[in-house]
Protein backbone atom coordinates (compact mmCIF):
# COMPACT_ATOMS: atom_id res chain seq x y z
CA MET A 1 -89.57 -112.73 -158.67
CA ILE A 2 -91.02 -112.23 -155.25
CA ILE A 3 -94.25 -110.29 -154.99
CA ARG A 4 -95.74 -109.80 -151.58
CA GLY A 5 -99.43 -109.92 -151.00
CA SER A 6 -101.76 -112.42 -149.48
CA ARG A 7 -99.02 -114.96 -150.18
CA ASP A 8 -95.39 -114.88 -151.28
CA TYR A 9 -94.46 -115.90 -154.81
CA THR A 10 -90.99 -117.26 -155.55
CA PRO A 11 -89.45 -119.36 -158.36
CA ALA A 12 -90.49 -122.45 -156.39
CA ASN A 13 -93.99 -121.06 -155.94
CA PRO A 14 -94.56 -119.16 -159.22
CA LEU A 15 -96.77 -116.20 -159.75
CA PRO A 16 -99.83 -116.86 -161.91
CA VAL A 17 -99.58 -115.50 -165.46
CA GLN A 18 -102.39 -113.01 -164.81
CA GLU A 19 -100.42 -111.47 -161.93
CA VAL A 20 -97.29 -111.15 -164.08
CA ARG A 21 -99.32 -109.39 -166.76
CA ARG A 22 -100.85 -107.07 -164.16
CA ALA A 23 -97.46 -106.20 -162.67
CA LEU A 24 -95.90 -105.51 -166.07
CA SER A 25 -98.88 -103.50 -167.31
CA GLU A 26 -98.17 -100.86 -164.67
CA TYR A 27 -94.98 -99.84 -166.49
CA ILE A 28 -95.06 -97.11 -169.13
CA LEU A 29 -92.75 -97.36 -172.15
CA GLN A 30 -90.17 -94.56 -172.01
CA ASP A 31 -87.50 -95.49 -174.57
CA VAL A 32 -86.74 -97.96 -177.35
CA ASP A 33 -83.21 -98.69 -178.58
CA GLU A 34 -82.76 -100.88 -181.66
CA THR A 35 -79.32 -99.63 -182.71
CA THR A 36 -76.83 -99.96 -179.84
CA THR A 37 -76.39 -103.73 -180.11
CA THR A 38 -76.89 -105.77 -183.30
CA SER A 39 -79.99 -108.02 -183.15
CA VAL A 40 -80.97 -106.65 -179.73
CA THR A 41 -83.83 -104.32 -178.83
CA TYR A 42 -83.99 -102.63 -175.44
CA LEU A 43 -87.30 -101.38 -174.04
CA GLY A 44 -87.08 -98.93 -171.16
CA LYS A 45 -90.10 -98.79 -168.87
CA GLU A 46 -90.94 -96.97 -165.68
CA ASN A 47 -94.02 -96.90 -163.46
CA THR A 48 -95.53 -93.94 -161.66
CA ASP A 49 -93.54 -94.48 -158.47
CA GLY A 50 -90.20 -94.42 -160.33
CA THR A 51 -89.59 -98.16 -160.36
CA TRP A 52 -87.83 -99.02 -163.60
CA LEU A 53 -87.67 -102.12 -165.80
CA ILE A 54 -85.57 -102.64 -168.91
CA VAL A 55 -86.40 -105.47 -171.28
CA LYS A 56 -83.66 -106.88 -173.51
CA ILE A 57 -84.98 -108.73 -176.57
CA ASP A 58 -82.17 -110.70 -178.20
CA GLU A 59 -82.88 -112.04 -181.67
CA SER A 60 -79.34 -113.14 -182.52
CA SER A 61 -80.31 -116.83 -182.57
CA ASP A 62 -83.62 -117.69 -180.93
CA THR A 63 -85.59 -114.78 -179.53
CA SER A 64 -85.01 -114.42 -175.81
CA PHE A 65 -86.36 -111.94 -173.30
CA ARG A 66 -84.29 -110.89 -170.28
CA TYR A 67 -85.08 -108.23 -167.72
CA ALA A 68 -83.21 -105.76 -165.56
CA ASN A 69 -84.44 -103.71 -162.64
CA GLU A 70 -83.00 -102.40 -159.41
CA SER A 71 -83.16 -105.84 -157.77
CA ASN A 72 -80.37 -107.15 -160.00
CA ASN A 73 -78.68 -103.77 -160.58
CA GLU A 74 -78.53 -102.12 -157.17
CA SER A 75 -76.17 -99.31 -158.17
CA TYR A 76 -78.68 -97.95 -160.71
CA ILE A 77 -81.42 -96.42 -158.60
CA THR A 78 -83.02 -94.18 -161.23
CA TYR A 79 -84.41 -94.94 -164.65
CA ALA A 80 -82.10 -92.35 -166.23
CA THR A 81 -78.92 -93.94 -164.88
CA ALA A 82 -80.11 -97.43 -165.80
CA TRP A 83 -81.08 -96.44 -169.35
CA ALA A 84 -77.69 -94.77 -169.85
CA ALA A 85 -76.05 -98.09 -168.95
CA ILE A 86 -78.28 -100.55 -170.85
CA THR A 87 -75.35 -102.56 -172.23
CA SER A 88 -73.74 -102.86 -168.77
CA LEU A 89 -76.80 -103.95 -166.77
CA THR A 90 -77.28 -107.45 -165.42
CA TYR A 91 -80.23 -109.14 -167.11
CA ALA A 92 -82.14 -112.17 -165.83
CA THR A 93 -85.29 -114.10 -166.46
CA LEU A 94 -88.43 -112.49 -165.12
CA GLU A 95 -88.92 -114.98 -162.28
CA ASN A 96 -85.52 -113.96 -160.85
CA LEU A 97 -86.47 -110.31 -160.35
CA THR A 98 -87.97 -108.78 -157.24
CA GLY A 99 -89.69 -105.46 -156.72
CA LEU A 100 -91.89 -105.47 -159.78
C-alpha cells in the first residue's frame, strides 16, 4: 500500500497500524455476502468519494483476509461493477494495495 503524505509508505517502509485503521475507517459498509462461496464472506465498502474496497474473509482452513480495490482491479472503476464481480476480482494483502 502506498499512501502519500508527509512521507511515502510502501511494503519496505510500512504504514503504522494507526494510519491503516484511519484509512479503513473512512469506508462505509455497503454489502455483505456470506452465501456465494462456501466458507467465504465478502464485505463491500465504499467511502464518500466513491473509492471502493472489498474484503474477502476466507475461513476454509485458517482465517485469512484479502482485499480488492481499483489498484489491483483496474477494469472495475465503480463499486457496483466490482461488487457484481466479487468472485472474479484479484485479491491481495492490504500492504499491496494503493489508493486507500
